[in-house]
Amino acid sequence: MSSLGEQQAVQHFIHVHPVTKVEGFGGFKCNGCKTYGFGKTYRCIPCNYDLHEYCATCPPTLLSFLHPEHELQLVFKGPAQTPQDRRGCNICHELAEGLYYQCEPCGFEVHPLCSQLPKKVTHVPHRTHPLELSHMGASNMCMVCQGAIRSWRYKCGPCRFDVHMACVNSSASAARSIQQTSSGPQACVPPSQYHQPCHNHVCGCGHTNQGEQQSGSSTGQTMFSTLLSLSVECIPDLISSTACAALTGGC
């Protein structure tokens, strides 16, 4: 893969033609990782072929805190021929096919976008400690939406609570009400005060808002929105600000 130049074009190993950066495109399905994208794409117009910006420019190998034991290799594989061949992203638990990072000896797979989730984030209602991305925590219940957690989560180890990746930035209204009724340094918030309805269309647990259907969310749409809201400051220009407004109601 070539690096970005003035022409904003990339010759990717999975496509015969160069793909060129396009801003404000709208929604699309990435032909690399087969998951949802919005706003900014690397596109081959004649082939109607799109790649996420990171999928178009990600390195062939990756050292990541998500799997520190081994270097991850970028692979591109066709659809599984049998149910036994189906692979799932270890982070979001959605299907991993097409372009993804893999540690074959350990059976670890991760979508390119999921590999860019920040290791630590600040959670507004809980300023005492940063939350750390982890595959396990103190419980399997999200302290924001009260739903079950079946994938990786952000956790506060010292305070022993866990939050869906998709729920980390969904608590601004709860944070304001908590701050208005508390004084002094921000303390750990009891579950009864912390709970609020989930405003994400689909949480990491598959929970949907009342009256909404989970089938309306395409593969990877929740994680795309989650990555956008969590890492827009960590990974400048990874995804356009247009997508941020459309998917999260503003960053």
C-alpha atoms as a PDB file:
ATOM      1  CA  MET A   1       0.000   0.000   0.000  1.00  0.00           C
ATOM      2  CA  SER A   2       1.311   3.418  -0.891  1.00  0.00           C
ATOM      3  CA  SER A   3       1.214   6.316   1.527  1.00  0.00           C
ATOM      4  CA  LEU A   4      -1.125   9.247   1.168  1.00  0.00           C
ATOM      5  CA  GLY A   5       0.143  11.862  -1.234  1.00  0.00           C
ATOM      6  CA  GLU A   6      -1.120  15.112  -2.641  1.00  0.00           C
ATOM      7  CA  GLN A   7      -3.496  13.204  -4.897  1.00  0.00           C
ATOM      8  CA  GLN A   8      -5.040  11.414  -1.891  1.00  0.00           C
ATOM      9  CA  ALA A   9      -4.957   8.143  -3.835  1.00  0.00           C
ATOM     10  CA  VAL A  10      -3.957   4.700  -2.589  1.00  0.00           C
ATOM     11  CA  GLN A  11      -3.138   1.530  -4.477  1.00  0.00           C
ATOM     12  CA  HIS A  12      -4.469  -1.131  -2.112  1.00  0.00           C
ATOM     13  CA  PHE A  13      -3.460  -4.757  -2.457  1.00  0.00           C
ATOM     14  CA  ILE A  14      -7.083  -5.976  -2.334  1.00  0.00           C
ATOM     15  CA  HIS A  15      -8.282  -3.954  -5.348  1.00  0.00           C
ATOM     16  CA  VAL A  16      -6.978  -3.747  -8.902  1.00  0.00           C
ATOM     17  CA  HIS A  17      -7.488   0.047  -9.272  1.00  0.00           C
ATOM     18  CA  PRO A  18      -6.307   2.937  -7.096  1.00  0.00           C
ATOM     19  CA  VAL A  19      -8.881   4.277  -4.633  1.00  0.00           C
ATOM     20  CA  THR A  20      -9.204   8.015  -4.152  1.00  0.00           C
ATOM     21  CA  LYS A  21     -10.269   9.944  -1.062  1.00  0.00           C
ATOM     22  CA  VAL A  22     -13.838  11.279  -1.185  1.00  0.00           C
ATOM     23  CA  GLU A  23     -15.303  13.523   1.529  1.00  0.00           C
ATOM     24  CA  GLY A  24     -18.963  13.694   2.564  1.00  0.00           C
ATOM     25  CA  PHE A  25     -19.989  10.576   0.690  1.00  0.00           C
ATOM     26  CA  GLY A  26     -22.749   9.364   3.012  1.00  0.00           C
ATOM     27  CA  GLY A  27     -23.305   5.798   4.168  1.00  0.00           C
ATOM     28  CA  PHE A  28     -21.516   2.847   2.592  1.00  0.00           C
ATOM     29  CA  LYS A  29     -20.364  -0.697   3.251  1.00  0.00           C
ATOM     30  CA  CYS A  30     -16.591  -1.004   3.294  1.00  0.00           C
ATOM     31  CA  ASN A  31     -15.451  -3.488   0.657  1.00  0.00           C
ATOM     32  CA  GLY A  32     -12.427  -4.215   2.807  1.00  0.00           C
ATOM     33  CA  CYS A  33     -13.709  -5.144   6.275  1.00  0.00           C
ATOM     34  CA  LYS A  34     -17.357  -5.536   5.161  1.00  0.00           C
ATOM     35  CA  THR A  35     -18.682  -3.206   7.848  1.00  0.00           C
ATOM     36  CA  TYR A  36     -20.478   0.146   7.904  1.00  0.00           C
ATOM     37  CA  GLY A  37     -18.889   3.450   6.970  1.00  0.00           C
ATOM     38  CA  PHE A  38     -20.047   7.020   6.613  1.00  0.00           C
ATOM     39  CA  GLY A  39     -18.840  10.352   5.290  1.00  0.00           C
ATOM     40  CA  LYS A  40     -15.246   9.770   4.240  1.00  0.00           C
ATOM     41  CA  THR A  41     -14.299   6.947   1.887  1.00  0.00           C
ATOM     42  CA  TYR A  42     -11.491   5.861  -0.396  1.00  0.00           C
ATOM     43  CA  ARG A  43     -13.401   5.069  -3.537  1.00  0.00           C
ATOM     44  CA  CYS A  44     -12.981   3.462  -6.940  1.00  0.00           C
ATOM     45  CA  ILE A  45     -15.794   5.113  -8.869  1.00  0.00           C
ATOM     46  CA  PRO A  46     -15.848   2.761 -11.911  1.00  0.00           C
ATOM     47  CA  CYS A  47     -16.130  -0.281  -9.629  1.00  0.00           C
ATOM     48  CA  ASN A  48     -18.421   1.328  -7.014  1.00  0.00           C
ATOM     49  CA  TYR A  49     -15.825   0.181  -4.480  1.00  0.00           C
ATOM     50  CA  ASP A  50     -15.309   1.814  -1.071  1.00  0.00           C
ATOM     51  CA  LEU A  51     -12.837   1.501   1.791  1.00  0.00           C
ATOM     52  CA  HIS A  52     -12.801   3.139   5.193  1.00  0.00           C
ATOM     53  CA  GLU A  53      -9.958   5.613   5.431  1.00  0.00           C
ATOM     54  CA  TYR A  54      -8.147   3.419   7.941  1.00  0.00           C
ATOM     55  CA  CYS A  55      -8.785   0.236   5.932  1.00  0.00           C
ATOM     56  CA  ALA A  56      -7.243   1.977   2.905  1.00  0.00           C
ATOM     57  CA  THR A  57      -4.123   3.107   4.756  1.00  0.00           C
ATOM     58  CA  CYS A  58      -3.595   0.686   7.669  1.00  0.00           C
ATOM     59  CA  PRO A  59      -0.181  -1.014   7.973  1.00  0.00           C
ATOM     60  CA  PRO A  60       0.368  -4.683   7.033  1.00  0.00           C
ATOM     61  CA  THR A  61       1.404  -5.508  10.611  1.00  0.00           C
ATOM     62  CA  LEU A  62       0.291  -4.045  13.907  1.00  0.00           C
ATOM     63  CA  LEU A  63       1.547  -4.048  17.486  1.00  0.00           C
ATOM     64  CA  SER A  64      -1.455  -3.488  19.744  1.00  0.00           C
ATOM     65  CA  PHE A  65      -2.292  -3.471  23.447  1.00  0.00           C
ATOM     66  CA  LEU A  66      -5.367  -5.499  22.461  1.00  0.00           C
ATOM     67  CA  HIS A  67      -3.134  -8.524  21.891  1.00  0.00           C
ATOM     68  CA  PRO A  68       0.325  -7.703  23.247  1.00  0.00           C
ATOM     69  CA  GLU A  69       1.620 -11.268  23.015  1.00  0.00           C
ATOM     70  CA  HIS A  70       2.168 -11.215  19.245  1.00  0.00           C
ATOM     71  CA  GLU A  71       2.299  -8.930  16.238  1.00  0.00           C
ATOM     72  CA  LEU A  72      -0.962  -8.890  14.280  1.00  0.00           C
ATOM     73  CA  GLN A  73      -0.983  -9.553  10.537  1.00  0.00           C
ATOM     74  CA  LEU A  74      -3.336  -7.861   8.094  1.00  0.00           C
ATOM     75  CA  VAL A  75      -5.176 -10.509   6.054  1.00  0.00           C
ATOM     76  CA  PHE A  76      -7.896 -10.535   3.433  1.00  0.00           C
ATOM     77  CA  LYS A  77     -10.089 -13.601   3.285  1.00  0.00           C
ATOM     78  CA  GLY A  78     -13.204 -14.439   1.335  1.00  0.00           C
ATOM     79  CA  PRO A  79     -16.550 -15.429   2.869  1.00  0.00           C
ATOM     80  CA  ALA A  80     -16.538 -18.523   5.066  1.00  0.00           C
ATOM     81  CA  GLN A  81     -17.517 -21.676   3.189  1.00  0.00           C
ATOM     82  CA  THR A  82     -18.860 -23.443   6.269  1.00  0.00           C
ATOM     83  CA  PRO A  83     -20.225 -22.275   9.654  1.00  0.00           C
ATOM     84  CA  GLN A  84     -17.068 -23.658  11.277  1.00  0.00           C
ATOM     85  CA  ASP A  85     -14.958 -21.272   9.182  1.00  0.00           C
ATOM     86  CA  ARG A  86     -16.796 -18.156  10.313  1.00  0.00           C
ATOM     87  CA  ARG A  87     -14.626 -15.704  12.245  1.00  0.00           C
ATOM     88  CA  GLY A  88     -15.673 -13.060  14.742  1.00  0.00           C
ATOM     89  CA  CYS A  89     -13.922  -9.887  15.844  1.00  0.00           C
ATOM     90  CA  ASN A  90     -12.672 -10.495  19.386  1.00  0.00           C
ATOM     91  CA  ILE A  91     -13.452  -6.888  20.360  1.00  0.00           C
ATOM     92  CA  CYS A  92     -16.991  -6.213  19.097  1.00  0.00           C
ATOM     93  CA  HIS A  93     -18.056  -9.848  18.513  1.00  0.00           C
ATOM     94  CA  GLU A  94     -19.412  -9.091  15.043  1.00  0.00           C
ATOM     95  CA  LEU A  95     -18.449 -11.094  11.970  1.00  0.00           C
ATOM     96  CA  ALA A  96     -14.831 -10.679  10.841  1.00  0.00           C
ATOM     97  CA  GLU A  97     -14.416 -11.274   7.124  1.00  0.00           C
ATOM     98  CA  GLY A  98     -12.614  -9.649   4.255  1.00  0.00           C
ATOM     99  CA  LEU A  99      -9.917  -7.372   5.673  1.00  0.00           C
ATOM    100  CA  TYR A 100      -8.946  -7.819   9.328  1.00  0.00           C
ATOM    101  CA  TYR A 101      -5.983  -8.224  11.640  1.00  0.00           C
ATOM    102  CA  GLN A 102      -5.170 -11.714  12.838  1.00  0.00           C
ATOM    103  CA  CYS A 103      -2.937 -13.612  15.207  1.00  0.00           C
ATOM    104  CA  GLU A 104      -3.382 -17.044  13.693  1.00  0.00           C
ATOM    105  CA  PRO A 105      -1.655 -19.077  16.466  1.00  0.00           C
ATOM    106  CA  CYS A 106      -3.923 -17.528  19.124  1.00  0.00           C
ATOM    107  CA  GLY A 107      -7.095 -17.338  17.049  1.00  0.00           C
ATOM    108  CA  PHE A 108      -7.319 -13.588  17.678  1.00  0.00           C
ATOM    109  CA  GLU A 109      -9.066 -11.451  15.041  1.00  0.00           C
ATOM    110  CA  VAL A 110      -9.946  -7.772  15.095  1.00  0.00           C
ATOM    111  CA  HIS A 111     -11.520  -5.382  12.585  1.00  0.00           C
ATOM    112  CA  PRO A 112      -9.099  -2.663  11.439  1.00  0.00           C
ATOM    113  CA  LEU A 113     -11.374   0.017  12.923  1.00  0.00           C
ATOM    114  CA  CYS A 114     -11.796  -1.842  16.223  1.00  0.00           C
ATOM    115  CA  SER A 115      -8.008  -1.997  16.496  1.00  0.00           C
ATOM    116  CA  GLN A 116      -8.025   1.805  16.740  1.00  0.00           C
ATOM    117  CA  LEU A 117     -10.180   2.074  19.855  1.00  0.00           C
ATOM    118  CA  PRO A 118      -8.350   4.086  22.525  1.00  0.00           C
ATOM    119  CA  LYS A 119      -6.896   2.142  25.441  1.00  0.00           C
ATOM    120  CA  LYS A 120      -8.187   4.626  28.024  1.00  0.00           C
ATOM    121  CA  VAL A 121     -11.023   7.149  27.961  1.00  0.00           C
ATOM    122  CA  THR A 122     -12.505   9.712  30.317  1.00  0.00           C
ATOM    123  CA  HIS A 123     -16.085   9.001  31.341  1.00  0.00           C
ATOM    124  CA  VAL A 124     -17.875  12.224  32.284  1.00  0.00           C
ATOM    125  CA  PRO A 125     -19.969  10.977  35.234  1.00  0.00           C
ATOM    126  CA  HIS A 126     -16.888   9.249  36.686  1.00  0.00           C
ATOM    127  CA  ARG A 127     -13.912  11.600  36.679  1.00  0.00           C
ATOM    128  CA  THR A 128     -12.062   9.886  39.514  1.00  0.00           C
ATOM    129  CA  HIS A 129     -10.309   7.377  37.244  1.00  0.00           C
ATOM    130  CA  PRO A 130      -9.981   6.819  33.495  1.00  0.00           C
ATOM    131  CA  LEU A 131     -11.765   3.802  32.068  1.00  0.00           C
ATOM    132  CA  GLU A 132      -9.622   1.149  30.384  1.00  0.00           C
ATOM    133  CA  LEU A 133     -10.606  -1.083  27.469  1.00  0.00           C
ATOM    134  CA  SER A 134     -10.630  -4.700  28.623  1.00  0.00           C
ATOM    135  CA  HIS A 135     -12.049  -8.106  27.747  1.00  0.00           C
ATOM    136  CA  MET A 136     -13.107  -8.687  31.352  1.00  0.00           C
ATOM    137  CA  GLY A 137     -14.181  -6.658  34.350  1.00  0.00           C
ATOM    138  CA  ALA A 138     -15.918  -6.752  37.703  1.00  0.00           C
ATOM    139  CA  SER A 139     -19.276  -7.777  36.248  1.00  0.00           C
ATOM    140  CA  ASN A 140     -21.079  -8.358  32.973  1.00  0.00           C
ATOM    141  CA  MET A 141     -23.582  -5.530  33.473  1.00  0.00           C
ATOM    142  CA  CYS A 142     -23.216  -2.040  32.015  1.00  0.00           C
ATOM    143  CA  MET A 143     -23.495   0.678  34.657  1.00  0.00           C
ATOM    144  CA  VAL A 144     -25.067   3.080  32.135  1.00  0.00           C
ATOM    145  CA  CYS A 145     -27.838   1.084  30.418  1.00  0.00           C
ATOM    146  CA  GLN A 146     -27.968  -1.870  32.824  1.00  0.00           C
ATOM    147  CA  GLY A 147     -27.699  -4.265  29.872  1.00  0.00           C
ATOM    148  CA  ALA A 148     -25.553  -7.378  29.693  1.00  0.00           C
ATOM    149  CA  ILE A 149     -22.007  -6.969  28.346  1.00  0.00           C
ATOM    150  CA  ARG A 150     -20.981  -9.717  25.927  1.00  0.00           C
ATOM    151  CA  SER A 151     -18.010  -8.049  24.259  1.00  0.00           C
ATOM    152  CA  TRP A 152     -15.062  -5.944  25.419  1.00  0.00           C
ATOM    153  CA  ARG A 153     -15.908  -3.067  27.695  1.00  0.00           C
ATOM    154  CA  TYR A 154     -14.442   0.028  29.324  1.00  0.00           C
ATOM    155  CA  LYS A 155     -13.879  -0.612  33.015  1.00  0.00           C
ATOM    156  CA  CYS A 156     -12.791   1.178  36.147  1.00  0.00           C
ATOM    157  CA  GLY A 157     -10.737  -1.406  38.019  1.00  0.00           C
ATOM    158  CA  PRO A 158     -10.440   0.431  41.370  1.00  0.00           C
ATOM    159  CA  CYS A 159     -14.182   1.136  41.510  1.00  0.00           C
ATOM    160  CA  ARG A 160     -15.186  -2.216  39.986  1.00  0.00           C
ATOM    161  CA  PHE A 161     -17.641  -1.178  37.339  1.00  0.00           C
ATOM    162  CA  ASP A 162     -17.988  -1.683  33.603  1.00  0.00           C
ATOM    163  CA  VAL A 163     -19.511   0.276  30.737  1.00  0.00           C
ATOM    164  CA  HIS A 164     -20.355  -0.807  27.188  1.00  0.00           C
ATOM    165  CA  MET A 165     -18.018   0.681  24.608  1.00  0.00           C
ATOM    166  CA  ALA A 166     -21.109   2.209  23.000  1.00  0.00           C
ATOM    167  CA  CYS A 167     -22.335   3.675  26.308  1.00  0.00           C
ATOM    168  CA  VAL A 168     -19.208   5.559  27.393  1.00  0.00           C
ATOM    169  CA  ASN A 169     -20.301   8.826  25.798  1.00  0.00           C
ATOM    170  CA  SER A 170     -24.059   8.361  26.169  1.00  0.00           C
ATOM    171  CA  SER A 171     -24.355   9.798  29.675  1.00  0.00           C
ATOM    172  CA  ALA A 172     -24.016  13.567  29.303  1.00  0.00           C
ATOM    173  CA  SER A 173     -27.504  14.263  30.684  1.00  0.00           C
ATOM    174  CA  ALA A 174     -26.924  11.951  33.652  1.00  0.00           C
ATOM    175  CA  ALA A 175     -23.577  13.620  34.281  1.00  0.00           C
ATOM    176  CA  ARG A 176     -25.172  17.072  34.462  1.00  0.00           C
ATOM    177  CA  SER A 177     -27.819  15.960  36.944  1.00  0.00           C
ATOM    178  CA  ILE A 178     -25.227  14.188  39.098  1.00  0.00           C
ATOM    179  CA  GLN A 179     -22.903  17.202  39.132  1.00  0.00           C
ATOM    180  CA  GLN A 180     -25.741  19.549  40.076  1.00  0.00           C
ATOM    181  CA  THR A 181     -26.626  17.495  43.167  1.00  0.00           C
ATOM    182  CA  SER A 182     -23.092  16.698  44.347  1.00  0.00           C
ATOM    183  CA  SER A 183     -20.334  18.791  45.873  1.00  0.00           C
ATOM    184  CA  GLY A 184     -16.587  18.339  46.185  1.00  0.00           C
ATOM    185  CA  PRO A 185     -14.534  15.910  44.088  1.00  0.00           C
ATOM    186  CA  GLN A 186     -16.457  13.531  41.824  1.00  0.00           C
ATOM    187  CA  ALA A 187     -17.072  10.277  43.666  1.00  0.00           C
ATOM    188  CA  CYS A 188     -17.998   6.856  42.356  1.00  0.00           C
ATOM    189  CA  VAL A 189     -21.651   6.962  41.331  1.00  0.00           C
ATOM    190  CA  PRO A 190     -23.954   4.287  42.800  1.00  0.00           C
ATOM    191  CA  PRO A 191     -25.845   2.203  40.208  1.00  0.00           C
ATOM    192  CA  SER A 192     -29.212   3.664  41.231  1.00  0.00           C
ATOM    193  CA  GLN A 193     -27.996   7.180  40.362  1.00  0.00           C
ATOM    194  CA  TYR A 194     -25.992   6.125  37.352  1.00  0.00           C
ATOM    195  CA  HIS A 195     -28.690   4.355  35.377  1.00  0.00           C
ATOM    196  CA  GLN A 196     -30.318   6.075  32.449  1.00  0.00           C
ATOM    197  CA  PRO A 197     -32.003   4.766  29.290  1.00  0.00           C
ATOM    198  CA  CYS A 198     -29.560   3.828  26.578  1.00  0.00           C
ATOM    199  CA  HIS A 199     -29.557   6.322  23.703  1.00  0.00           C
ATOM    200  CA  ASN A 200     -27.570   4.166  21.313  1.00  0.00           C
ATOM    201  CA  HIS A 201     -29.560   2.329  18.678  1.00  0.00           C
ATOM    202  CA  VAL A 202     -27.767  -0.904  19.573  1.00  0.00           C
ATOM    203  CA  CYS A 203     -25.478  -1.384  22.552  1.00  0.00           C
ATOM    204  CA  GLY A 204     -22.559  -3.770  22.619  1.00  0.00           C
ATOM    205  CA  CYS A 205     -24.928  -6.257  24.237  1.00  0.00           C
ATOM    206  CA  GLY A 206     -27.445  -6.074  21.394  1.00  0.00           C
ATOM    207  CA  HIS A 207     -29.902  -4.063  23.535  1.00  0.00           C
ATOM    208  CA  THR A 208     -32.208  -1.863  21.477  1.00  0.00           C
ATOM    209  CA  ASN A 209     -34.213   1.160  22.512  1.00  0.00           C
ATOM    210  CA  GLN A 210     -37.896   0.497  23.029  1.00  0.00           C
ATOM    211  CA  GLY A 211     -39.765   0.572  19.740  1.00  0.00           C
ATOM    212  CA  GLU A 212     -36.628   0.178  17.619  1.00  0.00           C
ATOM    213  CA  GLN A 213     -35.634  -2.916  15.698  1.00  0.00           C
ATOM    214  CA  GLN A 214     -32.086  -4.240  15.833  1.00  0.00           C
ATOM    215  CA  SER A 215     -32.335  -5.320  12.207  1.00  0.00           C
ATOM    216  CA  GLY A 216     -32.216  -1.642  11.215  1.00  0.00           C
ATOM    217  CA  SER A 217     -28.546  -1.456  12.159  1.00  0.00           C
ATOM    218  CA  SER A 218     -26.086  -2.699   9.550  1.00  0.00           C
ATOM    219  CA  THR A 219     -23.005  -4.698  10.468  1.00  0.00           C
ATOM    220  CA  GLY A 220     -20.529  -2.522  12.322  1.00  0.00           C
ATOM    221  CA  GLN A 221     -22.724   0.589  12.526  1.00  0.00           C
ATOM    222  CA  THR A 222     -22.680   0.681  16.326  1.00  0.00           C
ATOM    223  CA  MET A 223     -18.919   0.201  16.496  1.00  0.00           C
ATOM    224  CA  PHE A 224     -18.364   2.831  13.799  1.00  0.00           C
ATOM    225  CA  SER A 225     -20.328   5.352  15.846  1.00  0.00           C
ATOM    226  CA  THR A 226     -18.541   4.249  19.020  1.00  0.00           C
ATOM    227  CA  LEU A 227     -15.090   4.656  17.489  1.00  0.00           C
ATOM    228  CA  LEU A 228     -16.076   8.048  16.161  1.00  0.00           C
ATOM    229  CA  SER A 229     -17.258   9.344  19.520  1.00  0.00           C
ATOM    230  CA  LEU A 230     -14.338   7.889  21.496  1.00  0.00           C
ATOM    231  CA  SER A 231     -11.396   8.555  19.225  1.00  0.00           C
ATOM    232  CA  VAL A 232     -12.194  11.619  17.148  1.00  0.00           C
ATOM    233  CA  GLU A 233      -9.606  13.511  19.217  1.00  0.00           C
ATOM    234  CA  CYS A 234      -7.178  10.568  19.383  1.00  0.00           C
ATOM    235  CA  ILE A 235      -7.139   9.857  15.648  1.00  0.00           C
ATOM    236  CA  PRO A 236      -7.547  13.206  13.859  1.00  0.00           C
ATOM    237  CA  ASP A 237      -9.433  13.049  10.572  1.00  0.00           C
ATOM    238  CA  LEU A 238      -9.966   9.281  10.764  1.00  0.00           C
ATOM    239  CA  ILE A 239     -13.631   9.894  10.058  1.00  0.00           C
ATOM    240  CA  SER A 240     -15.255  13.109   8.912  1.00  0.00           C
ATOM    241  CA  SER A 241     -17.000  15.510  11.278  1.00  0.00           C
ATOM    242  CA  THR A 242     -20.079  15.123   9.054  1.00  0.00           C
ATOM    243  CA  ALA A 243     -20.321  11.504  10.166  1.00  0.00           C
ATOM    244  CA  CYS A 244     -19.906  12.583  13.787  1.00  0.00           C
ATOM    245  CA  ALA A 245     -22.920  14.860  13.577  1.00  0.00           C
ATOM    246  CA  ALA A 246     -25.032  12.335  11.690  1.00  0.00           C
ATOM    247  CA  LEU A 247     -24.325   9.341  13.913  1.00  0.00           C
ATOM    248  CA  THR A 248     -23.832  10.805  17.387  1.00  0.00           C
ATOM    249  CA  GLY A 249     -25.683  14.093  17.355  1.00  0.00           C
ATOM    250  CA  GLY A 250     -22.405  15.982  17.626  1.00  0.00           C
ATOM    251  CA  CYS A 251     -19.046  15.129  19.180  1.00  0.00           C
END
